[in-house]
């Protein structure tokens, strides 16, 4: 079954804050409309522990739903999507 949304992957492994946060904010602002419509989900890959706290906080303040998971490879996946009304 094909998901009803498009998924975009932002790989910021190797970047540290504030660069990782600024890169993510730029992607969120460029994709705000499809994210808010629920037609896009943004997957962010990072190896920065600081980014795992700053990125979710910023995205949640913008009204998005955020899920963070530590992957077996040692990095993190932050998934940002439309918050259910």
PDB file of N, CA and C in Angstrom:
ATOM      1  N   UNK A   1       0.843  -1.183   0.000  1.00  0.00           N
ATOM      2  CA  UNK A   1       0.000   0.000   0.000  1.00  0.00           C
ATOM      3  C   UNK A   1       0.885   1.242   0.000  1.00  0.00           C
ATOM      4  N   UNK A   2       0.589   2.167  -0.864  1.00  0.00           N
ATOM      5  CA  UNK A   2       1.358   3.402  -0.978  1.00  0.00           C
ATOM      6  C   UNK A   2       0.839   4.400   0.051  1.00  0.00           C
ATOM      7  N   UNK A   3       1.756   5.003   0.845  1.00  0.00           N
ATOM      8  CA  UNK A   3       1.299   5.971   1.844  1.00  0.00           C
ATOM      9  C   UNK A   3       0.678   7.187   1.169  1.00  0.00           C
ATOM     10  N   UNK A   4      -0.262   7.855   1.850  1.00  0.00           N
ATOM     11  CA  UNK A   4      -0.943   9.002   1.261  1.00  0.00           C
ATOM     12  C   UNK A   4      -0.126  10.288   1.333  1.00  0.00           C
ATOM     13  N   UNK A   5       1.171  10.164   1.540  1.00  0.00           N
ATOM     14  CA  UNK A   5       2.018  11.347   1.647  1.00  0.00           C
ATOM     15  C   UNK A   5       3.360  11.069   0.994  1.00  0.00           C
ATOM     16  N   UNK A   6       4.045  12.131   0.685  1.00  0.00           N
ATOM     17  CA  UNK A   6       5.404  12.043   0.174  1.00  0.00           C
ATOM     18  C   UNK A   6       6.343  12.143   1.369  1.00  0.00           C
ATOM     19  N   UNK A   7       7.510  11.525   1.246  1.00  0.00           N
ATOM     20  CA  UNK A   7       8.480  11.588   2.337  1.00  0.00           C
ATOM     21  C   UNK A   7       9.767  12.198   1.807  1.00  0.00           C
ATOM     22  N   UNK A   8      10.288  13.159   2.544  1.00  0.00           N
ATOM     23  CA  UNK A   8      11.542  13.806   2.194  1.00  0.00           C
ATOM     24  C   UNK A   8      12.554  13.494   3.289  1.00  0.00           C
ATOM     25  N   UNK A   9      13.771  13.134   2.888  1.00  0.00           N
ATOM     26  CA  UNK A   9      14.817  12.797   3.854  1.00  0.00           C
ATOM     27  C   UNK A   9      15.868  13.897   3.848  1.00  0.00           C
ATOM     28  N   UNK A  10      16.173  14.390   5.032  1.00  0.00           N
ATOM     29  CA  UNK A  10      17.201  15.409   5.222  1.00  0.00           C
ATOM     30  C   UNK A  10      18.307  14.776   6.059  1.00  0.00           C
ATOM     31  N   UNK A  11      19.450  14.519   5.442  1.00  0.00           N
ATOM     32  CA  UNK A  11      20.567  13.876   6.132  1.00  0.00           C
ATOM     33  C   UNK A  11      21.539  14.957   6.593  1.00  0.00           C
ATOM     34  N   UNK A  12      21.523  15.229   7.899  1.00  0.00           N
ATOM     35  CA  UNK A  12      22.401  16.269   8.449  1.00  0.00           C
ATOM     36  C   UNK A  12      23.438  15.658   9.389  1.00  0.00           C
ATOM     37  N   UNK A  13      23.712  14.372   9.197  1.00  0.00           N
ATOM     38  CA  UNK A  13      24.756  13.740  10.008  1.00  0.00           C
ATOM     39  C   UNK A  13      26.072  14.460   9.741  1.00  0.00           C
ATOM     40  N   UNK A  14      26.812  14.704  10.808  1.00  0.00           N
ATOM     41  CA  UNK A  14      28.071  15.431  10.707  1.00  0.00           C
ATOM     42  C   UNK A  14      27.936  16.911  11.019  1.00  0.00           C
ATOM     43  N   UNK A  15      26.721  17.438  10.995  1.00  0.00           N
ATOM     44  CA  UNK A  15      26.500  18.843  11.348  1.00  0.00           C
ATOM     45  C   UNK A  15      26.228  18.955  12.842  1.00  0.00           C
ATOM     46  N   UNK A  16      26.657  20.050  13.420  1.00  0.00           N
ATOM     47  CA  UNK A  16      26.396  20.310  14.835  1.00  0.00           C
ATOM     48  C   UNK A  16      25.541  21.566  14.946  1.00  0.00           C
ATOM     49  N   UNK A  17      24.900  21.723  16.089  1.00  0.00           N
ATOM     50  CA  UNK A  17      24.083  22.911  16.326  1.00  0.00           C
ATOM     51  C   UNK A  17      24.996  24.123  16.425  1.00  0.00           C
ATOM     52  N   UNK A  18      24.593  25.258  15.922  1.00  0.00           N
ATOM     53  CA  UNK A  18      23.262  25.578  15.418  1.00  0.00           C
ATOM     54  C   UNK A  18      23.048  25.233  13.949  1.00  0.00           C
ATOM     55  N   UNK A  19      24.078  24.771  13.244  1.00  0.00           N
ATOM     56  CA  UNK A  19      23.938  24.476  11.818  1.00  0.00           C
ATOM     57  C   UNK A  19      22.838  23.458  11.538  1.00  0.00           C
ATOM     58  N   UNK A  20      22.764  22.404  12.346  1.00  0.00           N
ATOM     59  CA  UNK A  20      21.739  21.376  12.115  1.00  0.00           C
ATOM     60  C   UNK A  20      20.336  21.940  12.315  1.00  0.00           C
ATOM     61  N   UNK A  21      20.161  22.787  13.308  1.00  0.00           N
ATOM     62  CA  UNK A  21      18.858  23.406  13.547  1.00  0.00           C
ATOM     63  C   UNK A  21      18.500  24.365  12.414  1.00  0.00           C
ATOM     64  N   UNK A  22      19.440  25.181  11.992  1.00  0.00           N
ATOM     65  CA  UNK A  22      19.173  26.146  10.919  1.00  0.00           C
ATOM     66  C   UNK A  22      18.843  25.448   9.602  1.00  0.00           C
ATOM     67  N   UNK A  23      19.552  24.368   9.295  1.00  0.00           N
ATOM     68  CA  UNK A  23      19.268  23.593   8.083  1.00  0.00           C
ATOM     69  C   UNK A  23      17.862  23.015   8.135  1.00  0.00           C
ATOM     70  N   UNK A  24      17.476  22.500   9.298  1.00  0.00           N
ATOM     71  CA  UNK A  24      16.137  21.930   9.462  1.00  0.00           C
ATOM     72  C   UNK A  24      15.065  23.004   9.378  1.00  0.00           C
ATOM     73  N   UNK A  25      15.290  24.143  10.015  1.00  0.00           N
ATOM     74  CA  UNK A  25      14.311  25.232   9.958  1.00  0.00           C
ATOM     75  C   UNK A  25      14.108  25.716   8.523  1.00  0.00           C
ATOM     76  N   UNK A  26      15.187  25.768   7.755  1.00  0.00           N
ATOM     77  CA  UNK A  26      15.079  26.159   6.352  1.00  0.00           C
ATOM     78  C   UNK A  26      14.201  25.150   5.597  1.00  0.00           C
ATOM     79  N   UNK A  27      14.427  23.858   5.838  1.00  0.00           N
ATOM     80  CA  UNK A  27      13.619  22.819   5.180  1.00  0.00           C
ATOM     81  C   UNK A  27      12.162  22.892   5.625  1.00  0.00           C
ATOM     82  N   UNK A  28      11.927  23.151   6.908  1.00  0.00           N
ATOM     83  CA  UNK A  28      10.553  23.268   7.402  1.00  0.00           C
ATOM     84  C   UNK A  28       9.838  24.453   6.762  1.00  0.00           C
ATOM     85  N   UNK A  29      10.516  25.579   6.673  1.00  0.00           N
ATOM     86  CA  UNK A  29       9.903  26.770   6.079  1.00  0.00           C
ATOM     87  C   UNK A  29       9.646  26.590   4.585  1.00  0.00           C
ATOM     88  N   UNK A  30      10.569  25.933   3.877  1.00  0.00           N
ATOM     89  CA  UNK A  30      10.395  25.705   2.445  1.00  0.00           C
ATOM     90  C   UNK A  30       9.267  24.717   2.162  1.00  0.00           C
ATOM     91  N   UNK A  31       8.983  23.830   3.109  1.00  0.00           N
ATOM     92  CA  UNK A  31       7.973  22.783   2.914  1.00  0.00           C
ATOM     93  C   UNK A  31       6.783  22.931   3.847  1.00  0.00           C
ATOM     94  N   UNK A  32       6.583  24.110   4.393  1.00  0.00           N
ATOM     95  CA  UNK A  32       5.531  24.304   5.398  1.00  0.00           C
ATOM     96  C   UNK A  32       4.145  23.948   4.874  1.00  0.00           C
ATOM     97  N   UNK A  33       3.816  24.365   3.659  1.00  0.00           N
ATOM     98  CA  UNK A  33       2.464  24.115   3.131  1.00  0.00           C
ATOM     99  C   UNK A  33       2.165  22.624   2.996  1.00  0.00           C
ATOM    100  N   UNK A  34       3.016  21.828   2.321  1.00  0.00           N
ATOM    101  CA  UNK A  34       2.699  20.400   2.226  1.00  0.00           C
ATOM    102  C   UNK A  34       2.771  19.681   3.572  1.00  0.00           C
ATOM    103  N   UNK A  35       3.637  20.138   4.459  1.00  0.00           N
ATOM    104  CA  UNK A  35       3.689  19.538   5.798  1.00  0.00           C
ATOM    105  C   UNK A  35       2.381  19.788   6.540  1.00  0.00           C
ATOM    106  N   UNK A  36       1.883  21.011   6.468  1.00  0.00           N
ATOM    107  CA  UNK A  36       0.639  21.353   7.170  1.00  0.00           C
ATOM    108  C   UNK A  36      -0.581  20.662   6.555  1.00  0.00           C
ATOM    109  N   UNK A  37      -0.552  20.448   5.240  1.00  0.00           N
ATOM    110  CA  UNK A  37      -1.645  19.728   4.577  1.00  0.00           C
ATOM    111  C   UNK A  37      -1.612  18.238   4.896  1.00  0.00           C
ATOM    112  N   UNK A  38      -0.461  17.750   5.354  1.00  0.00           N
ATOM    113  CA  UNK A  38      -0.326  16.325   5.621  1.00  0.00           C
ATOM    114  C   UNK A  38       0.094  15.528   4.405  1.00  0.00           C
ATOM    115  N   UNK A  39       0.512  16.208   3.341  1.00  0.00           N
ATOM    116  CA  UNK A  39       0.932  15.502   2.135  1.00  0.00           C
ATOM    117  C   UNK A  39       2.435  15.241   2.106  1.00  0.00           C
ATOM    118  N   UNK A  40       3.154  15.702   3.123  1.00  0.00           N
ATOM    119  CA  UNK A  40       4.598  15.500   3.201  1.00  0.00           C
ATOM    120  C   UNK A  40       4.988  15.164   4.626  1.00  0.00           C
ATOM    121  N   UNK A  41       5.942  14.264   4.742  1.00  0.00           N
ATOM    122  CA  UNK A  41       6.548  13.941   6.033  1.00  0.00           C
ATOM    123  C   UNK A  41       8.052  14.117   5.856  1.00  0.00           C
ATOM    124  N   UNK A  42       8.694  14.777   6.816  1.00  0.00           N
ATOM    125  CA  UNK A  42      10.123  15.055   6.756  1.00  0.00           C
ATOM    126  C   UNK A  42      10.857  14.141   7.724  1.00  0.00           C
ATOM    127  N   UNK A  43      11.782  13.340   7.185  1.00  0.00           N
ATOM    128  CA  UNK A  43      12.633  12.467   8.005  1.00  0.00           C
ATOM    129  C   UNK A  43      14.021  13.083   8.051  1.00  0.00           C
ATOM    130  N   UNK A  44      14.509  13.319   9.261  1.00  0.00           N
ATOM    131  CA  UNK A  44      15.820  13.927   9.452  1.00  0.00           C
ATOM    132  C   UNK A  44      16.728  12.901  10.103  1.00  0.00           C
ATOM    133  N   UNK A  45      17.897  12.706   9.519  1.00  0.00           N
ATOM    134  CA  UNK A  45      18.904  11.818  10.087  1.00  0.00           C
ATOM    135  C   UNK A  45      20.001  12.686  10.681  1.00  0.00           C
ATOM    136  N   UNK A  46      20.321  12.463  11.954  1.00  0.00           N
ATOM    137  CA  UNK A  46      21.341  13.260  12.632  1.00  0.00           C
ATOM    138  C   UNK A  46      22.127  12.387  13.595  1.00  0.00           C
ATOM    139  N   UNK A  47      23.361  12.780  13.839  1.00  0.00           N
ATOM    140  CA  UNK A  47      24.168  12.104  14.850  1.00  0.00           C
ATOM    141  C   UNK A  47      24.502  13.057  15.999  1.00  0.00           C
ATOM    142  N   UNK A  48      23.835  14.191  16.019  1.00  0.00           N
ATOM    143  CA  UNK A  48      24.055  15.202  17.054  1.00  0.00           C
ATOM    144  C   UNK A  48      23.016  15.068  18.158  1.00  0.00           C
ATOM    145  N   UNK A  49      23.483  14.804  19.364  1.00  0.00           N
ATOM    146  CA  UNK A  49      22.544  14.696  20.493  1.00  0.00           C
ATOM    147  C   UNK A  49      21.877  16.031  20.787  1.00  0.00           C
ATOM    148  N   UNK A  50      22.577  17.134  20.559  1.00  0.00           N
ATOM    149  CA  UNK A  50      21.966  18.452  20.761  1.00  0.00           C
ATOM    150  C   UNK A  50      20.801  18.660  19.794  1.00  0.00           C
ATOM    151  N   UNK A  51      20.978  18.233  18.553  1.00  0.00           N
ATOM    152  CA  UNK A  51      19.929  18.404  17.545  1.00  0.00           C
ATOM    153  C   UNK A  51      18.672  17.624  17.907  1.00  0.00           C
ATOM    154  N   UNK A  52      18.841  16.530  18.635  1.00  0.00           N
ATOM    155  CA  UNK A  52      17.695  15.702  19.020  1.00  0.00           C
ATOM    156  C   UNK A  52      16.796  16.431  20.016  1.00  0.00           C
ATOM    157  N   UNK A  53      17.310  17.457  20.660  1.00  0.00           N
ATOM    158  CA  UNK A  53      16.458  18.249  21.553  1.00  0.00           C
ATOM    159  C   UNK A  53      16.033  19.569  20.907  1.00  0.00           C
ATOM    160  N   UNK A  54      16.924  20.211  20.151  1.00  0.00           N
ATOM    161  CA  UNK A  54      16.580  21.516  19.579  1.00  0.00           C
ATOM    162  C   UNK A  54      15.614  21.417  18.401  1.00  0.00           C
ATOM    163  N   UNK A  55      15.806  20.429  17.536  1.00  0.00           N
ATOM    164  CA  UNK A  55      14.940  20.291  16.358  1.00  0.00           C
ATOM    165  C   UNK A  55      13.503  19.954  16.758  1.00  0.00           C
ATOM    166  N   UNK A  56      13.274  18.947  17.614  1.00  0.00           N
ATOM    167  CA  UNK A  56      11.885  18.665  18.010  1.00  0.00           C
ATOM    168  C   UNK A  56      11.209  19.853  18.692  1.00  0.00           C
ATOM    169  N   UNK A  57      11.937  20.558  19.545  1.00  0.00           N
ATOM    170  CA  UNK A  57      11.341  21.703  20.238  1.00  0.00           C
ATOM    171  C   UNK A  57      10.906  22.774  19.240  1.00  0.00           C
ATOM    172  N   UNK A  58      11.750  23.063  18.264  1.00  0.00           N
ATOM    173  CA  UNK A  58      11.410  24.082  17.264  1.00  0.00           C
ATOM    174  C   UNK A  58      10.224  23.639  16.409  1.00  0.00           C
ATOM    175  N   UNK A  59      10.229  22.387  15.975  1.00  0.00           N
ATOM    176  CA  UNK A  59       9.138  21.883  15.127  1.00  0.00           C
ATOM    177  C   UNK A  59       7.814  21.847  15.886  1.00  0.00           C
ATOM    178  N   UNK A  60       7.855  21.442  17.146  1.00  0.00           N
ATOM    179  CA  UNK A  60       6.629  21.424  17.953  1.00  0.00           C
ATOM    180  C   UNK A  60       6.102  22.837  18.170  1.00  0.00           C
ATOM    181  N   UNK A  61       7.001  23.805  18.356  1.00  0.00           N
ATOM    182  CA  UNK A  61       6.578  25.203  18.496  1.00  0.00           C
ATOM    183  C   UNK A  61       5.913  25.724  17.225  1.00  0.00           C
ATOM    184  N   UNK A  62       6.241  25.120  16.090  1.00  0.00           N
ATOM    185  CA  UNK A  62       5.629  25.497  14.816  1.00  0.00           C
ATOM    186  C   UNK A  62       4.326  24.734  14.579  1.00  0.00           C
ATOM    187  N   UNK A  63       3.959  23.844  15.507  1.00  0.00           N
ATOM    188  CA  UNK A  63       2.694  23.124  15.405  1.00  0.00           C
ATOM    189  C   UNK A  63       2.767  21.757  14.758  1.00  0.00           C
ATOM    190  N   UNK A  64       3.975  21.225  14.578  1.00  0.00           N
ATOM    191  CA  UNK A  64       4.125  19.921  13.947  1.00  0.00           C
ATOM    192  C   UNK A  64       4.220  18.804  14.980  1.00  0.00           C
ATOM    193  N   UNK A  65       3.896  17.610  14.536  1.00  0.00           N
ATOM    194  CA  UNK A  65       4.041  16.405  15.345  1.00  0.00           C
ATOM    195  C   UNK A  65       5.447  15.868  15.110  1.00  0.00           C
ATOM    196  N   UNK A  66       6.149  15.488  16.188  1.00  0.00           N
ATOM    197  CA  UNK A  66       7.539  15.051  16.075  1.00  0.00           C
ATOM    198  C   UNK A  66       7.724  13.720  16.785  1.00  0.00           C
ATOM    199  N   UNK A  67       8.483  12.832  16.123  1.00  0.00           N
ATOM    200  CA  UNK A  67       8.855  11.555  16.731  1.00  0.00           C
ATOM    201  C   UNK A  67      10.365  11.411  16.587  1.00  0.00           C
ATOM    202  N   UNK A  68      11.038  11.014  17.669  1.00  0.00           N
ATOM    203  CA  UNK A  68      12.484  10.822  17.659  1.00  0.00           C
ATOM    204  C   UNK A  68      12.779   9.371  18.000  1.00  0.00           C
ATOM    205  N   UNK A  69      13.694   8.781  17.244  1.00  0.00           N
ATOM    206  CA  UNK A  69      14.075   7.395  17.495  1.00  0.00           C
ATOM    207  C   UNK A  69      15.581   7.255  17.317  1.00  0.00           C
ATOM    208  N   UNK A  70      16.220   6.543  18.251  1.00  0.00           N
ATOM    209  CA  UNK A  70      17.640   6.231  18.094  1.00  0.00           C
ATOM    210  C   UNK A  70      17.733   4.955  17.274  1.00  0.00           C
ATOM    211  N   UNK A  71      18.487   5.003  16.203  1.00  0.00           N
ATOM    212  CA  UNK A  71      18.610   3.867  15.305  1.00  0.00           C
ATOM    213  C   UNK A  71      19.797   2.998  15.697  1.00  0.00           C
ATOM    214  N   UNK A  72      19.757   1.712  15.358  1.00  0.00           N
ATOM    215  CA  UNK A  72      20.841   0.802  15.727  1.00  0.00           C
ATOM    216  C   UNK A  72      22.210   1.238  15.203  1.00  0.00           C
ATOM    217  N   UNK A  73      22.237   1.973  14.107  1.00  0.00           N
ATOM    218  CA  UNK A  73      23.511   2.414  13.533  1.00  0.00           C
ATOM    219  C   UNK A  73      24.184   3.496  14.369  1.00  0.00           C
ATOM    220  N   UNK A  74      23.498   3.980  15.422  1.00  0.00           N
ATOM    221  CA  UNK A  74      24.098   4.962  16.313  1.00  0.00           C
ATOM    222  C   UNK A  74      23.672   6.392  16.063  1.00  0.00           C
ATOM    223  N   UNK A  75      22.888   6.621  15.028  1.00  0.00           N
ATOM    224  CA  UNK A  75      22.389   7.982  14.807  1.00  0.00           C
ATOM    225  C   UNK A  75      20.897   8.025  15.123  1.00  0.00           C
ATOM    226  N   UNK A  76      20.326   9.200  14.951  1.00  0.00           N
ATOM    227  CA  UNK A  76      18.928   9.416  15.315  1.00  0.00           C
ATOM    228  C   UNK A  76      18.105   9.736  14.076  1.00  0.00           C
ATOM    229  N   UNK A  77      16.822   9.403  14.177  1.00  0.00           N
ATOM    230  CA  UNK A  77      15.860   9.772  13.144  1.00  0.00           C
ATOM    231  C   UNK A  77      14.800  10.647  13.804  1.00  0.00           C
ATOM    232  N   UNK A  78      14.615  11.828  13.253  1.00  0.00           N
ATOM    233  CA  UNK A  78      13.580  12.743  13.721  1.00  0.00           C
ATOM    234  C   UNK A  78      12.557  12.841  12.594  1.00  0.00           C
ATOM    235  N   UNK A  79      11.316  12.464  12.880  1.00  0.00           N
ATOM    236  CA  UNK A  79      10.264  12.499  11.864  1.00  0.00           C
ATOM    237  C   UNK A  79       9.298  13.628  12.214  1.00  0.00           C
ATOM    238  N   UNK A  80       9.110  14.519  11.261  1.00  0.00           N
ATOM    239  CA  UNK A  80       8.229  15.673  11.453  1.00  0.00           C
ATOM    240  C   UNK A  80       7.061  15.543  10.483  1.00  0.00           C
ATOM    241  N   UNK A  81       5.860  15.656  11.034  1.00  0.00           N
ATOM    242  CA  UNK A  81       4.663  15.521  10.206  1.00  0.00           C
ATOM    243  C   UNK A  81       3.579  16.466  10.705  1.00  0.00           C
ATOM    244  N   UNK A  82       2.482  16.469   9.972  1.00  0.00           N
ATOM    245  CA  UNK A  82       1.326  17.301  10.310  1.00  0.00           C
ATOM    246  C   UNK A  82       0.693  16.802  11.599  1.00  0.00           C
ATOM    247  N   UNK A  83       0.443  17.707  12.508  1.00  0.00           N
ATOM    248  CA  UNK A  83      -0.246  17.338  13.748  1.00  0.00           C
ATOM    249  C   UNK A  83      -1.725  17.158  13.456  1.00  0.00           C
ATOM    250  N   UNK A  84      -2.293  16.104  13.992  1.00  0.00           N
ATOM    251  CA  UNK A  84      -3.724  15.855  13.806  1.00  0.00           C
ATOM    252  C   UNK A  84      -4.523  16.940  14.511  1.00  0.00           C
ATOM    253  N   UNK A  85      -5.581  17.383  13.872  1.00  0.00           N
ATOM    254  CA  UNK A  85      -6.435  18.424  14.472  1.00  0.00           C
ATOM    255  C   UNK A  85      -7.265  17.858  15.591  1.00  0.00           C
TER     256      UNK A  85
END
